[in-house]
Amino acid sequence: MMDLMNLQDAQSLHQSGDLQGAIAAYESLVKANKNDAAATHFLGMAKLQAGDTSGDTHLQRAIELEPENELFQTNYANLKAQMGDLKTAYALFEATTQKSPQNLLAQEGAGQCAMRLGNM
């Protein structure tokens, strides 16, 4: 059952497109350890990809758990940009580049959002 799944199993479901299966697996992992930042992050990603806006809460929680995790911040910003929320995406990219000026993905994302928003 889902209780026996690990993060890698959940990510395999996610990558194969089984969002509902992935969400159930991630939720099981988070239930077992509410401070599992990775499971919380990917739960939020899967929920947003499935159209469930509560995913935002999980993504923000993962960033609170691991504020220095650039992957969490960049993934969240990219997903927000893909969903058309350019202002939020831009703010997330900018926050990441402030913390980590060497993060080229965040710099590129901020630039793309700025252009799309007409700020350049």
PDB file of N, CA and C in Angstrom:
ATOM      1  N   MET A   1       0.842  -1.191   0.000  1.00  0.00           N
ATOM      2  CA  MET A   1       0.000   0.000   0.000  1.00  0.00           C
ATOM      3  C   MET A   1       0.882   1.249   0.000  1.00  0.00           C
ATOM      4  N   MET A   2       0.242   2.396   0.070  1.00  0.00           N
ATOM      5  CA  MET A   2       0.947   3.663  -0.003  1.00  0.00           C
ATOM      6  C   MET A   2       1.936   3.847   1.142  1.00  0.00           C
ATOM      7  N   ASP A   3       1.665   3.266   2.309  1.00  0.00           N
ATOM      8  CA  ASP A   3       2.548   3.446   3.455  1.00  0.00           C
ATOM      9  C   ASP A   3       3.948   2.883   3.199  1.00  0.00           C
ATOM     10  N   LEU A   4       4.067   1.953   2.270  1.00  0.00           N
ATOM     11  CA  LEU A   4       5.347   1.347   1.989  1.00  0.00           C
ATOM     12  C   LEU A   4       6.146   2.112   0.937  1.00  0.00           C
ATOM     13  N   MET A   5       5.541   3.127   0.344  1.00  0.00           N
ATOM     14  CA  MET A   5       6.216   3.879  -0.704  1.00  0.00           C
ATOM     15  C   MET A   5       7.254   4.821  -0.105  1.00  0.00           C
ATOM     16  N   ASN A   6       8.300   5.037  -0.876  1.00  0.00           N
ATOM     17  CA  ASN A   6       9.290   6.026  -0.482  1.00  0.00           C
ATOM     18  C   ASN A   6       9.214   7.198  -1.457  1.00  0.00           C
ATOM     19  N   LEU A   7      10.047   8.183  -1.236  1.00  0.00           N
ATOM     20  CA  LEU A   7      10.001   9.381  -2.073  1.00  0.00           C
ATOM     21  C   LEU A   7      10.270   9.037  -3.538  1.00  0.00           C
ATOM     22  N   GLN A   8      11.207   8.158  -3.775  1.00  0.00           N
ATOM     23  CA  GLN A   8      11.541   7.789  -5.155  1.00  0.00           C
ATOM     24  C   GLN A   8      10.338   7.137  -5.851  1.00  0.00           C
ATOM     25  N   ASP A   9       9.610   6.286  -5.138  1.00  0.00           N
ATOM     26  CA  ASP A   9       8.412   5.659  -5.702  1.00  0.00           C
ATOM     27  C   ASP A   9       7.364   6.727  -6.048  1.00  0.00           C
ATOM     28  N   ALA A  10       7.177   7.662  -5.131  1.00  0.00           N
ATOM     29  CA  ALA A  10       6.197   8.730  -5.347  1.00  0.00           C
ATOM     30  C   ALA A  10       6.597   9.585  -6.546  1.00  0.00           C
ATOM     31  N   GLN A  11       7.886   9.883  -6.651  1.00  0.00           N
ATOM     32  CA  GLN A  11       8.358  10.686  -7.781  1.00  0.00           C
ATOM     33  C   GLN A  11       8.195   9.934  -9.097  1.00  0.00           C
ATOM     34  N   SER A  12       8.352   8.623  -9.079  1.00  0.00           N
ATOM     35  CA  SER A  12       8.141   7.826 -10.292  1.00  0.00           C
ATOM     36  C   SER A  12       6.696   7.936 -10.760  1.00  0.00           C
ATOM     37  N   LEU A  13       5.772   7.863  -9.813  1.00  0.00           N
ATOM     38  CA  LEU A  13       4.352   8.047 -10.164  1.00  0.00           C
ATOM     39  C   LEU A  13       4.136   9.440 -10.751  1.00  0.00           C
ATOM     40  N   HIS A  14       4.714  10.433 -10.107  1.00  0.00           N
ATOM     41  CA  HIS A  14       4.578  11.827 -10.531  1.00  0.00           C
ATOM     42  C   HIS A  14       5.105  11.995 -11.951  1.00  0.00           C
ATOM     43  N   GLN A  15       6.309  11.499 -12.203  1.00  0.00           N
ATOM     44  CA  GLN A  15       6.937  11.657 -13.513  1.00  0.00           C
ATOM     45  C   GLN A  15       6.205  10.890 -14.601  1.00  0.00           C
ATOM     46  N   SER A  16       5.527   9.809 -14.228  1.00  0.00           N
ATOM     47  CA  SER A  16       4.780   9.030 -15.223  1.00  0.00           C
ATOM     48  C   SER A  16       3.434   9.674 -15.553  1.00  0.00           C
ATOM     49  N   GLY A  17       3.077  10.738 -14.796  1.00  0.00           N
ATOM     50  CA  GLY A  17       1.819  11.431 -15.063  1.00  0.00           C
ATOM     51  C   GLY A  17       0.672  11.009 -14.173  1.00  0.00           C
ATOM     52  N   ASP A  18       0.916  10.089 -13.257  1.00  0.00           N
ATOM     53  CA  ASP A  18      -0.118   9.646 -12.323  1.00  0.00           C
ATOM     54  C   ASP A  18      -0.167  10.622 -11.151  1.00  0.00           C
ATOM     55  N   LEU A  19      -0.768  11.793 -11.388  1.00  0.00           N
ATOM     56  CA  LEU A  19      -0.778  12.828 -10.349  1.00  0.00           C
ATOM     57  C   LEU A  19      -1.532  12.384  -9.105  1.00  0.00           C
ATOM     58  N   GLN A  20      -2.675  11.720  -9.281  1.00  0.00           N
ATOM     59  CA  GLN A  20      -3.453  11.313  -8.104  1.00  0.00           C
ATOM     60  C   GLN A  20      -2.706  10.266  -7.288  1.00  0.00           C
ATOM     61  N   GLY A  21      -2.053   9.325  -7.952  1.00  0.00           N
ATOM     62  CA  GLY A  21      -1.246   8.335  -7.245  1.00  0.00           C
ATOM     63  C   GLY A  21      -0.078   8.987  -6.529  1.00  0.00           C
ATOM     64  N   ALA A  22       0.554   9.937  -7.208  1.00  0.00           N
ATOM     65  CA  ALA A  22       1.683  10.649  -6.609  1.00  0.00           C
ATOM     66  C   ALA A  22       1.229  11.459  -5.403  1.00  0.00           C
ATOM     67  N   ILE A  23       0.105  12.139  -5.538  1.00  0.00           N
ATOM     68  CA  ILE A  23      -0.418  12.938  -4.425  1.00  0.00           C
ATOM     69  C   ILE A  23      -0.678  12.045  -3.214  1.00  0.00           C
ATOM     70  N   ALA A  24      -1.300  10.895  -3.439  1.00  0.00           N
ATOM     71  CA  ALA A  24      -1.570   9.966  -2.330  1.00  0.00           C
ATOM     72  C   ALA A  24      -0.264   9.495  -1.688  1.00  0.00           C
ATOM     73  N   ALA A  25       0.727   9.199  -2.513  1.00  0.00           N
ATOM     74  CA  ALA A  25       2.011   8.743  -1.977  1.00  0.00           C
ATOM     75  C   ALA A  25       2.712   9.849  -1.203  1.00  0.00           C
ATOM     76  N   TYR A  26       2.742  11.057  -1.761  1.00  0.00           N
ATOM     77  CA  TYR A  26       3.374  12.183  -1.062  1.00  0.00           C
ATOM     78  C   TYR A  26       2.649  12.477   0.250  1.00  0.00           C
ATOM     79  N   GLU A  27       1.300  12.436   0.218  1.00  0.00           N
ATOM     80  CA  GLU A  27       0.536  12.695   1.438  1.00  0.00           C
ATOM     81  C   GLU A  27       0.873  11.670   2.520  1.00  0.00           C
ATOM     82  N   SER A  28       1.046  10.419   2.121  1.00  0.00           N
ATOM     83  CA  SER A  28       1.419   9.375   3.080  1.00  0.00           C
ATOM     84  C   SER A  28       2.778   9.678   3.698  1.00  0.00           C
ATOM     85  N   LEU A  29       3.722  10.116   2.872  1.00  0.00           N
ATOM     86  CA  LEU A  29       5.056  10.452   3.372  1.00  0.00           C
ATOM     87  C   LEU A  29       5.012  11.646   4.330  1.00  0.00           C
ATOM     88  N   VAL A  30       4.225  12.653   3.966  1.00  0.00           N
ATOM     89  CA  VAL A  30       4.112  13.851   4.818  1.00  0.00           C
ATOM     90  C   VAL A  30       3.390  13.505   6.117  1.00  0.00           C
ATOM     91  N   LYS A  31       2.392  12.629   6.024  1.00  0.00           N
ATOM     92  CA  LYS A  31       1.691  12.214   7.244  1.00  0.00           C
ATOM     93  C   LYS A  31       2.649  11.502   8.192  1.00  0.00           C
ATOM     94  N   ALA A  32       3.548  10.696   7.633  1.00  0.00           N
ATOM     95  CA  ALA A  32       4.522   9.962   8.447  1.00  0.00           C
ATOM     96  C   ALA A  32       5.582  10.890   9.040  1.00  0.00           C
ATOM     97  N   ASN A  33       5.890  11.987   8.329  1.00  0.00           N
ATOM     98  CA  ASN A  33       6.897  12.942   8.805  1.00  0.00           C
ATOM     99  C   ASN A  33       6.523  14.330   8.291  1.00  0.00           C
ATOM    100  N   LYS A  34       5.843  15.096   9.135  1.00  0.00           N
ATOM    101  CA  LYS A  34       5.366  16.420   8.715  1.00  0.00           C
ATOM    102  C   LYS A  34       6.497  17.383   8.377  1.00  0.00           C
ATOM    103  N   ASN A  35       7.737  17.043   8.754  1.00  0.00           N
ATOM    104  CA  ASN A  35       8.887  17.898   8.439  1.00  0.00           C
ATOM    105  C   ASN A  35       9.709  17.394   7.260  1.00  0.00           C
ATOM    106  N   ASP A  36       9.131  16.490   6.468  1.00  0.00           N
ATOM    107  CA  ASP A  36       9.802  15.985   5.269  1.00  0.00           C
ATOM    108  C   ASP A  36       9.645  17.044   4.183  1.00  0.00           C
ATOM    109  N   ALA A  37      10.658  17.882   4.049  1.00  0.00           N
ATOM    110  CA  ALA A  37      10.577  19.017   3.127  1.00  0.00           C
ATOM    111  C   ALA A  37      10.434  18.558   1.683  1.00  0.00           C
ATOM    112  N   ALA A  38      11.152  17.527   1.280  1.00  0.00           N
ATOM    113  CA  ALA A  38      11.090  17.068  -0.106  1.00  0.00           C
ATOM    114  C   ALA A  38       9.699  16.542  -0.444  1.00  0.00           C
ATOM    115  N   ALA A  39       9.136  15.689   0.394  1.00  0.00           N
ATOM    116  CA  ALA A  39       7.791  15.163   0.135  1.00  0.00           C
ATOM    117  C   ALA A  39       6.765  16.291   0.138  1.00  0.00           C
ATOM    118  N   THR A  40       6.927  17.241   1.032  1.00  0.00           N
ATOM    119  CA  THR A  40       6.018  18.389   1.091  1.00  0.00           C
ATOM    120  C   THR A  40       6.109  19.208  -0.187  1.00  0.00           C
ATOM    121  N   HIS A  41       7.326  19.430  -0.654  1.00  0.00           N
ATOM    122  CA  HIS A  41       7.540  20.194  -1.891  1.00  0.00           C
ATOM    123  C   HIS A  41       6.877  19.502  -3.078  1.00  0.00           C
ATOM    124  N   PHE A  42       7.174  18.228  -3.244  1.00  0.00           N
ATOM    125  CA  PHE A  42       6.631  17.522  -4.410  1.00  0.00           C
ATOM    126  C   PHE A  42       5.127  17.316  -4.298  1.00  0.00           C
ATOM    127  N   LEU A  43       4.598  17.228  -3.080  1.00  0.00           N
ATOM    128  CA  LEU A  43       3.151  17.188  -2.894  1.00  0.00           C
ATOM    129  C   LEU A  43       2.530  18.472  -3.430  1.00  0.00           C
ATOM    130  N   GLY A  44       3.129  19.596  -3.076  1.00  0.00           N
ATOM    131  CA  GLY A  44       2.623  20.877  -3.572  1.00  0.00           C
ATOM    132  C   GLY A  44       2.698  20.983  -5.080  1.00  0.00           C
ATOM    133  N   MET A  45       3.810  20.525  -5.660  1.00  0.00           N
ATOM    134  CA  MET A  45       3.952  20.569  -7.120  1.00  0.00           C
ATOM    135  C   MET A  45       2.861  19.728  -7.785  1.00  0.00           C
ATOM    136  N   ALA A  46       2.672  18.505  -7.298  1.00  0.00           N
ATOM    137  CA  ALA A  46       1.672  17.614  -7.899  1.00  0.00           C
ATOM    138  C   ALA A  46       0.269  18.185  -7.746  1.00  0.00           C
ATOM    139  N   LYS A  47      -0.024  18.743  -6.575  1.00  0.00           N
ATOM    140  CA  LYS A  47      -1.366  19.315  -6.374  1.00  0.00           C
ATOM    141  C   LYS A  47      -1.613  20.478  -7.321  1.00  0.00           C
ATOM    142  N   LEU A  48      -0.642  21.374  -7.451  1.00  0.00           N
ATOM    143  CA  LEU A  48      -0.830  22.492  -8.380  1.00  0.00           C
ATOM    144  C   LEU A  48      -0.969  22.000  -9.813  1.00  0.00           C
ATOM    145  N   GLN A  49      -0.171  21.018 -10.195  1.00  0.00           N
ATOM    146  CA  GLN A  49      -0.266  20.475 -11.547  1.00  0.00           C
ATOM    147  C   GLN A  49      -1.623  19.823 -11.789  1.00  0.00           C
ATOM    148  N   ALA A  50      -2.245  19.311 -10.726  1.00  0.00           N
ATOM    149  CA  ALA A  50      -3.565  18.700 -10.830  1.00  0.00           C
ATOM    150  C   ALA A  50      -4.684  19.741 -10.722  1.00  0.00           C
ATOM    151  N   GLY A  51      -4.309  21.014 -10.547  1.00  0.00           N
ATOM    152  CA  GLY A  51      -5.302  22.084 -10.471  1.00  0.00           C
ATOM    153  C   GLY A  51      -5.772  22.400  -9.069  1.00  0.00           C
ATOM    154  N   ASP A  52      -5.139  21.844  -8.062  1.00  0.00           N
ATOM    155  CA  ASP A  52      -5.511  22.060  -6.660  1.00  0.00           C
ATOM    156  C   ASP A  52      -4.633  23.175  -6.090  1.00  0.00           C
ATOM    157  N   THR A  53      -5.225  24.330  -5.870  1.00  0.00           N
ATOM    158  CA  THR A  53      -4.456  25.486  -5.411  1.00  0.00           C
ATOM    159  C   THR A  53      -3.924  25.335  -3.988  1.00  0.00           C
ATOM    160  N   SER A  54      -4.363  24.309  -3.253  1.00  0.00           N
ATOM    161  CA  SER A  54      -3.794  24.096  -1.919  1.00  0.00           C
ATOM    162  C   SER A  54      -2.325  23.689  -2.025  1.00  0.00           C
ATOM    163  N   GLY A  55      -1.883  23.358  -3.227  1.00  0.00           N
ATOM    164  CA  GLY A  55      -0.479  23.042  -3.443  1.00  0.00           C
ATOM    165  C   GLY A  55       0.431  24.191  -3.045  1.00  0.00           C
ATOM    166  N   ASP A  56      -0.050  25.408  -3.205  1.00  0.00           N
ATOM    167  CA  ASP A  56       0.742  26.583  -2.808  1.00  0.00           C
ATOM    168  C   ASP A  56       1.167  26.499  -1.340  1.00  0.00           C
ATOM    169  N   THR A  57       0.246  26.086  -0.492  1.00  0.00           N
ATOM    170  CA  THR A  57       0.534  25.995   0.936  1.00  0.00           C
ATOM    171  C   THR A  57       1.660  24.999   1.197  1.00  0.00           C
ATOM    172  N   HIS A  58       1.625  23.879   0.500  1.00  0.00           N
ATOM    173  CA  HIS A  58       2.665  22.861   0.678  1.00  0.00           C
ATOM    174  C   HIS A  58       4.013  23.365   0.170  1.00  0.00           C
ATOM    175  N   LEU A  59       4.006  24.058  -0.962  1.00  0.00           N
ATOM    176  CA  LEU A  59       5.257  24.590  -1.505  1.00  0.00           C
ATOM    177  C   LEU A  59       5.863  25.625  -0.562  1.00  0.00           C
ATOM    178  N   GLN A  60       5.033  26.479  -0.016  1.00  0.00           N
ATOM    179  CA  GLN A  60       5.520  27.482   0.930  1.00  0.00           C
ATOM    180  C   GLN A  60       6.047  26.812   2.195  1.00  0.00           C
ATOM    181  N   ARG A  61       5.385  25.760   2.644  1.00  0.00           N
ATOM    182  CA  ARG A  61       5.827  25.033   3.845  1.00  0.00           C
ATOM    183  C   ARG A  61       7.195  24.385   3.598  1.00  0.00           C
ATOM    184  N   ALA A  62       7.386  23.813   2.417  1.00  0.00           N
ATOM    185  CA  ALA A  62       8.676  23.185   2.100  1.00  0.00           C
ATOM    186  C   ALA A  62       9.794  24.224   2.128  1.00  0.00           C
ATOM    187  N   ILE A  63       9.506  25.408   1.609  1.00  0.00           N
ATOM    188  CA  ILE A  63      10.514  26.479   1.616  1.00  0.00           C
ATOM    189  C   ILE A  63      10.780  26.935   3.053  1.00  0.00           C
ATOM    190  N   GLU A  64       9.753  26.960   3.891  1.00  0.00           N
ATOM    191  CA  GLU A  64       9.965  27.296   5.307  1.00  0.00           C
ATOM    192  C   GLU A  64      10.850  26.243   5.981  1.00  0.00           C
ATOM    193  N   LEU A  65      10.628  24.985   5.633  1.00  0.00           N
ATOM    194  CA  LEU A  65      11.414  23.899   6.235  1.00  0.00           C
ATOM    195  C   LEU A  65      12.872  23.941   5.790  1.00  0.00           C
ATOM    196  N   GLU A  66      13.089  24.309   4.527  1.00  0.00           N
ATOM    197  CA  GLU A  66      14.448  24.369   3.981  1.00  0.00           C
ATOM    198  C   GLU A  66      14.619  25.659   3.174  1.00  0.00           C
ATOM    199  N   PRO A  67      14.754  26.798   3.860  1.00  0.00           N
ATOM    200  CA  PRO A  67      14.798  28.089   3.174  1.00  0.00           C
ATOM    201  C   PRO A  67      15.983  28.252   2.219  1.00  0.00           C
ATOM    202  N   GLU A  68      17.012  27.471   2.380  1.00  0.00           N
ATOM    203  CA  GLU A  68      18.170  27.600   1.490  1.00  0.00           C
ATOM    204  C   GLU A  68      18.102  26.664   0.289  1.00  0.00           C
ATOM    205  N   ASN A  69      17.019  25.899   0.169  1.00  0.00           N
ATOM    206  CA  ASN A  69      16.902  24.938  -0.922  1.00  0.00           C
ATOM    207  C   ASN A  69      16.465  25.669  -2.196  1.00  0.00           C
ATOM    208  N   GLU A  70      17.428  25.937  -3.064  1.00  0.00           N
ATOM    209  CA  GLU A  70      17.153  26.677  -4.294  1.00  0.00           C
ATOM    210  C   GLU A  70      16.260  25.900  -5.251  1.00  0.00           C
ATOM    211  N   LEU A  71      16.364  24.579  -5.236  1.00  0.00           N
ATOM    212  CA  LEU A  71      15.526  23.762  -6.109  1.00  0.00           C
ATOM    213  C   LEU A  71      14.055  23.993  -5.793  1.00  0.00           C
ATOM    214  N   PHE A  72      13.709  24.011  -4.508  1.00  0.00           N
ATOM    215  CA  PHE A  72      12.314  24.235  -4.123  1.00  0.00           C
ATOM    216  C   PHE A  72      11.825  25.574  -4.645  1.00  0.00           C
ATOM    217  N   GLN A  73      12.625  26.613  -4.453  1.00  0.00           N
ATOM    218  CA  GLN A  73      12.228  27.955  -4.862  1.00  0.00           C
ATOM    219  C   GLN A  73      12.124  28.064  -6.389  1.00  0.00           C
ATOM    220  N   THR A  74      13.094  27.503  -7.088  1.00  0.00           N
ATOM    221  CA  THR A  74      13.098  27.597  -8.545  1.00  0.00           C
ATOM    222  C   THR A  74      11.959  26.780  -9.144  1.00  0.00           C
ATOM    223  N   ASN A  75      11.715  25.575  -8.632  1.00  0.00           N
ATOM    224  CA  ASN A  75      10.594  24.765  -9.117  1.00  0.00           C
ATOM    225  C   ASN A  75       9.270  25.485  -8.914  1.00  0.00           C
ATOM    226  N   TYR A  76       9.097  26.062  -7.738  1.00  0.00           N
ATOM    227  CA  TYR A  76       7.858  26.777  -7.417  1.00  0.00           C
ATOM    228  C   TYR A  76       7.677  27.954  -8.375  1.00  0.00           C
ATOM    229  N   ALA A  77       8.728  28.717  -8.584  1.00  0.00           N
ATOM    230  CA  ALA A  77       8.657  29.874  -9.481  1.00  0.00           C
ATOM    231  C   ALA A  77       8.352  29.431 -10.910  1.00  0.00           C
ATOM    232  N   ASN A  78       9.007  28.380 -11.381  1.00  0.00           N
ATOM    233  CA  ASN A  78       8.752  27.888 -12.734  1.00  0.00           C
ATOM    234  C   ASN A  78       7.306  27.446 -12.908  1.00  0.00           C
ATOM    235  N   LEU A  79       6.780  26.735 -11.924  1.00  0.00           N
ATOM    236  CA  LEU A  79       5.402  26.271 -12.008  1.00  0.00           C
ATOM    237  C   LEU A  79       4.435  27.448 -12.008  1.00  0.00           C
ATOM    238  N   LYS A  80       4.690  28.444 -11.164  1.00  0.00           N
ATOM    239  CA  LYS A  80       3.818  29.633 -11.148  1.00  0.00           C
ATOM    240  C   LYS A  80       3.854  30.347 -12.505  1.00  0.00           C
ATOM    241  N   ALA A  81       5.034  30.429 -13.117  1.00  0.00           N
ATOM    242  CA  ALA A  81       5.147  31.060 -14.442  1.00  0.00           C
ATOM    243  C   ALA A  81       4.368  30.256 -15.474  1.00  0.00           C
ATOM    244  N   GLN A  82       4.493  28.933 -15.441  1.00  0.00           N
ATOM    245  CA  GLN A  82       3.767  28.083 -16.385  1.00  0.00           C
ATOM    246  C   GLN A  82       2.267  28.239 -16.221  1.00  0.00           C
ATOM    247  N   MET A  83       1.832  28.491 -14.987  1.00  0.00           N
ATOM    248  CA  MET A  83       0.410  28.651 -14.709  1.00  0.00           C
ATOM    249  C   MET A  83      -0.077  30.065 -15.015  1.00  0.00           C
ATOM    250  N   GLY A  84       0.836  30.957 -15.425  1.00  0.00           N
ATOM    251  CA  GLY A  84       0.457  32.312 -15.799  1.00  0.00           C
ATOM    252  C   GLY A  84       0.513  33.325 -14.675  1.00  0.00           C
ATOM    253  N   ASP A  85       0.939  32.920 -13.496  1.00  0.00           N
ATOM    254  CA  ASP A  85       1.052  33.850 -12.361  1.00  0.00           C
ATOM    255  C   ASP A  85       2.456  34.456 -12.394  1.00  0.00           C
ATOM    256  N   LEU A  86       2.653  35.359 -13.350  1.00  0.00           N
ATOM    257  CA  LEU A  86       3.983  35.908 -13.610  1.00  0.00           C
ATOM    258  C   LEU A  86       4.490  36.793 -12.478  1.00  0.00           C
ATOM    259  N   LYS A  87       3.609  37.525 -11.829  1.00  0.00           N
ATOM    260  CA  LYS A  87       4.054  38.399 -10.732  1.00  0.00           C
ATOM    261  C   LYS A  87       4.621  37.582  -9.581  1.00  0.00           C
ATOM    262  N   THR A  88       3.923  36.520  -9.199  1.00  0.00           N
ATOM    263  CA  THR A  88       4.426  35.665  -8.126  1.00  0.00           C
ATOM    264  C   THR A  88       5.715  34.985  -8.557  1.00  0.00           C
ATOM    265  N   ALA A  89       5.732  34.472  -9.792  1.00  0.00           N
ATOM    266  CA  ALA A  89       6.930  33.799 -10.293  1.00  0.00           C
ATOM    267  C   ALA A  89       8.119  34.750 -10.284  1.00  0.00           C
ATOM    268  N   TYR A  90       7.911  35.962 -10.750  1.00  0.00           N
ATOM    269  CA  TYR A  90       9.001  36.945 -10.783  1.00  0.00           C
ATOM    270  C   TYR A  90       9.533  37.211  -9.374  1.00  0.00           C
ATOM    271  N   ALA A  91       8.615  37.394  -8.418  1.00  0.00           N
ATOM    272  CA  ALA A  91       9.025  37.655  -7.032  1.00  0.00           C
ATOM    273  C   ALA A  91       9.822  36.473  -6.467  1.00  0.00           C
ATOM    274  N   LEU A  92       9.388  35.256  -6.770  1.00  0.00           N
ATOM    275  CA  LEU A  92      10.109  34.073  -6.291  1.00  0.00           C
ATOM    276  C   LEU A  92      11.489  33.966  -6.934  1.00  0.00           C
ATOM    277  N   PHE A  93      11.565  34.198  -8.243  1.00  0.00           N
ATOM    278  CA  PHE A  93      12.853  34.169  -8.927  1.00  0.00           C
ATOM    279  C   PHE A  93      13.793  35.236  -8.367  1.00  0.00           C
ATOM    280  N   GLU A  94      13.276  36.433  -8.153  1.00  0.00           N
ATOM    281  CA  GLU A  94      14.092  37.525  -7.624  1.00  0.00           C
ATOM    282  C   GLU A  94      14.605  37.203  -6.222  1.00  0.00           C
ATOM    283  N   ALA A  95      13.745  36.642  -5.384  1.00  0.00           N
ATOM    284  CA  ALA A  95      14.174  36.273  -4.032  1.00  0.00           C
ATOM    285  C   ALA A  95      15.296  35.233  -4.086  1.00  0.00           C
ATOM    286  N   THR A  96      15.187  34.314  -5.028  1.00  0.00           N
ATOM    287  CA  THR A  96      16.216  33.285  -5.172  1.00  0.00           C
ATOM    288  C   THR A  96      17.521  33.898  -5.656  1.00  0.00           C
ATOM    289  N   THR A  97      17.451  34.814  -6.609  1.00  0.00           N
ATOM    290  CA  THR A  97      18.691  35.413  -7.117  1.00  0.00           C
ATOM    291  C   THR A  97      19.332  36.325  -6.076  1.00  0.00           C
ATOM    292  N   GLN A  98      18.530  36.913  -5.189  1.00  0.00           N
ATOM    293  CA  GLN A  98      19.104  37.728  -4.116  1.00  0.00           C
ATOM    294  C   GLN A  98      19.925  36.857  -3.175  1.00  0.00           C
ATOM    295  N   LYS A  99      19.395  35.661  -2.857  1.00  0.00           N
ATOM    296  CA  LYS A  99      20.099  34.742  -1.968  1.00  0.00           C
ATOM    297  C   LYS A  99      21.278  34.079  -2.676  1.00  0.00           C
ATOM    298  N   SER A 100      21.091  33.783  -3.957  1.00  0.00           N
ATOM    299  CA  SER A 100      22.091  33.020  -4.718  1.00  0.00           C
ATOM    300  C   SER A 100      22.294  33.641  -6.094  1.00  0.00           C
ATOM    301  N   PRO A 101      23.125  34.676  -6.182  1.00  0.00           N
ATOM    302  CA  PRO A 101      23.332  35.356  -7.464  1.00  0.00           C
ATOM    303  C   PRO A 101      23.861  34.432  -8.570  1.00  0.00           C
ATOM    304  N   GLN A 102      24.468  33.303  -8.202  1.00  0.00           N
ATOM    305  CA  GLN A 102      25.013  32.384  -9.198  1.00  0.00           C
ATOM    306  C   GLN A 102      23.941  31.459  -9.793  1.00  0.00           C
ATOM    307  N   ASN A 103      22.712  31.513  -9.307  1.00  0.00           N
ATOM    308  CA  ASN A 103      21.656  30.634  -9.792  1.00  0.00           C
ATOM    309  C   ASN A 103      21.157  31.138 -11.147  1.00  0.00           C
ATOM    310  N   LEU A 104      21.714  30.562 -12.208  1.00  0.00           N
ATOM    311  CA  LEU A 104      21.395  31.015 -13.555  1.00  0.00           C
ATOM    312  C   LEU A 104      19.957  30.710 -13.952  1.00  0.00           C
ATOM    313  N   LEU A 105      19.397  29.619 -13.451  1.00  0.00           N
ATOM    314  CA  LEU A 105      17.999  29.304 -13.763  1.00  0.00           C
ATOM    315  C   LEU A 105      17.061  30.363 -13.198  1.00  0.00           C
ATOM    316  N   ALA A 106      17.344  30.811 -11.988  1.00  0.00           N
ATOM    317  CA  ALA A 106      16.512  31.852 -11.380  1.00  0.00           C
ATOM    318  C   ALA A 106      16.691  33.180 -12.118  1.00  0.00           C
ATOM    319  N   GLN A 107      17.925  33.486 -12.510  1.00  0.00           N
ATOM    320  CA  GLN A 107      18.163  34.726 -13.261  1.00  0.00           C
ATOM    321  C   GLN A 107      17.406  34.706 -14.592  1.00  0.00           C
ATOM    322  N   GLU A 108      17.506  33.583 -15.290  1.00  0.00           N
ATOM    323  CA  GLU A 108      16.814  33.466 -16.575  1.00  0.00           C
ATOM    324  C   GLU A 108      15.301  33.549 -16.389  1.00  0.00           C
ATOM    325  N   GLY A 109      14.792  32.869 -15.362  1.00  0.00           N
ATOM    326  CA  GLY A 109      13.354  32.909 -15.097  1.00  0.00           C
ATOM    327  C   GLY A 109      12.873  34.313 -14.765  1.00  0.00           C
ATOM    328  N   ALA A 110      13.647  35.026 -13.957  1.00  0.00           N
ATOM    329  CA  ALA A 110      13.280  36.407 -13.617  1.00  0.00           C
ATOM    330  C   ALA A 110      13.258  37.270 -14.865  1.00  0.00           C
ATOM    331  N   GLY A 111      14.250  37.097 -15.718  1.00  0.00           N
ATOM    332  CA  GLY A 111      14.309  37.876 -16.954  1.00  0.00           C
ATOM    333  C   GLY A 111      13.137  37.588 -17.870  1.00  0.00           C
ATOM    334  N   GLN A 112      12.785  36.309 -18.011  1.00  0.00           N
ATOM    335  CA  GLN A 112      11.664  35.946 -18.859  1.00  0.00           C
ATOM    336  C   GLN A 112      10.351  36.495 -18.312  1.00  0.00           C
ATOM    337  N   CYS A 113      10.182  36.391 -17.005  1.00  0.00           N
ATOM    338  CA  CYS A 113       8.964  36.938 -16.396  1.00  0.00           C
ATOM    339  C   CYS A 113       8.912  38.454 -16.573  1.00  0.00           C
ATOM    340  N   ALA A 114      10.035  39.110 -16.361  1.00  0.00           N
ATOM    341  CA  ALA A 114      10.079  40.574 -16.513  1.00  0.00           C
ATOM    342  C   ALA A 114       9.697  40.973 -17.931  1.00  0.00           C
ATOM    343  N   MET A 115      10.245  40.267 -18.906  1.00  0.00           N
ATOM    344  CA  MET A 115       9.902  40.584 -20.307  1.00  0.00           C
ATOM    345  C   MET A 115       8.433  40.374 -20.562  1.00  0.00           C
ATOM    346  N   ARG A 116       7.888  39.264 -20.066  1.00  0.00           N
ATOM    347  CA  ARG A 116       6.475  38.973 -20.276  1.00  0.00           C
ATOM    348  C   ARG A 116       5.569  39.951 -19.543  1.00  0.00           C
ATOM    349  N   LEU A 117       6.070  40.476 -18.439  1.00  0.00           N
ATOM    350  CA  LEU A 117       5.296  41.468 -17.683  1.00  0.00           C
ATOM    351  C   LEU A 117       5.491  42.888 -18.234  1.00  0.00           C
ATOM    352  N   GLY A 118       6.454  43.037 -19.157  1.00  0.00           N
ATOM    353  CA  GLY A 118       6.709  44.353 -19.720  1.00  0.00           C
ATOM    354  C   GLY A 118       7.574  45.225 -18.854  1.00  0.00           C
ATOM    355  N   ASN A 119       8.384  44.649 -17.977  1.00  0.00           N
ATOM    356  CA  ASN A 119       9.229  45.422 -17.067  1.00  0.00           C
ATOM    357  C   ASN A 119      10.621  45.693 -17.620  1.00  0.00           C
ATOM    358  N   MET A 120      10.911  45.254 -18.818  1.00  0.00           N
ATOM    359  CA  MET A 120      12.258  45.460 -19.342  1.00  0.00           C
ATOM    360  C   MET A 120      12.214  46.413 -20.527  1.00  0.00           C
TER     361      MET A 120
END
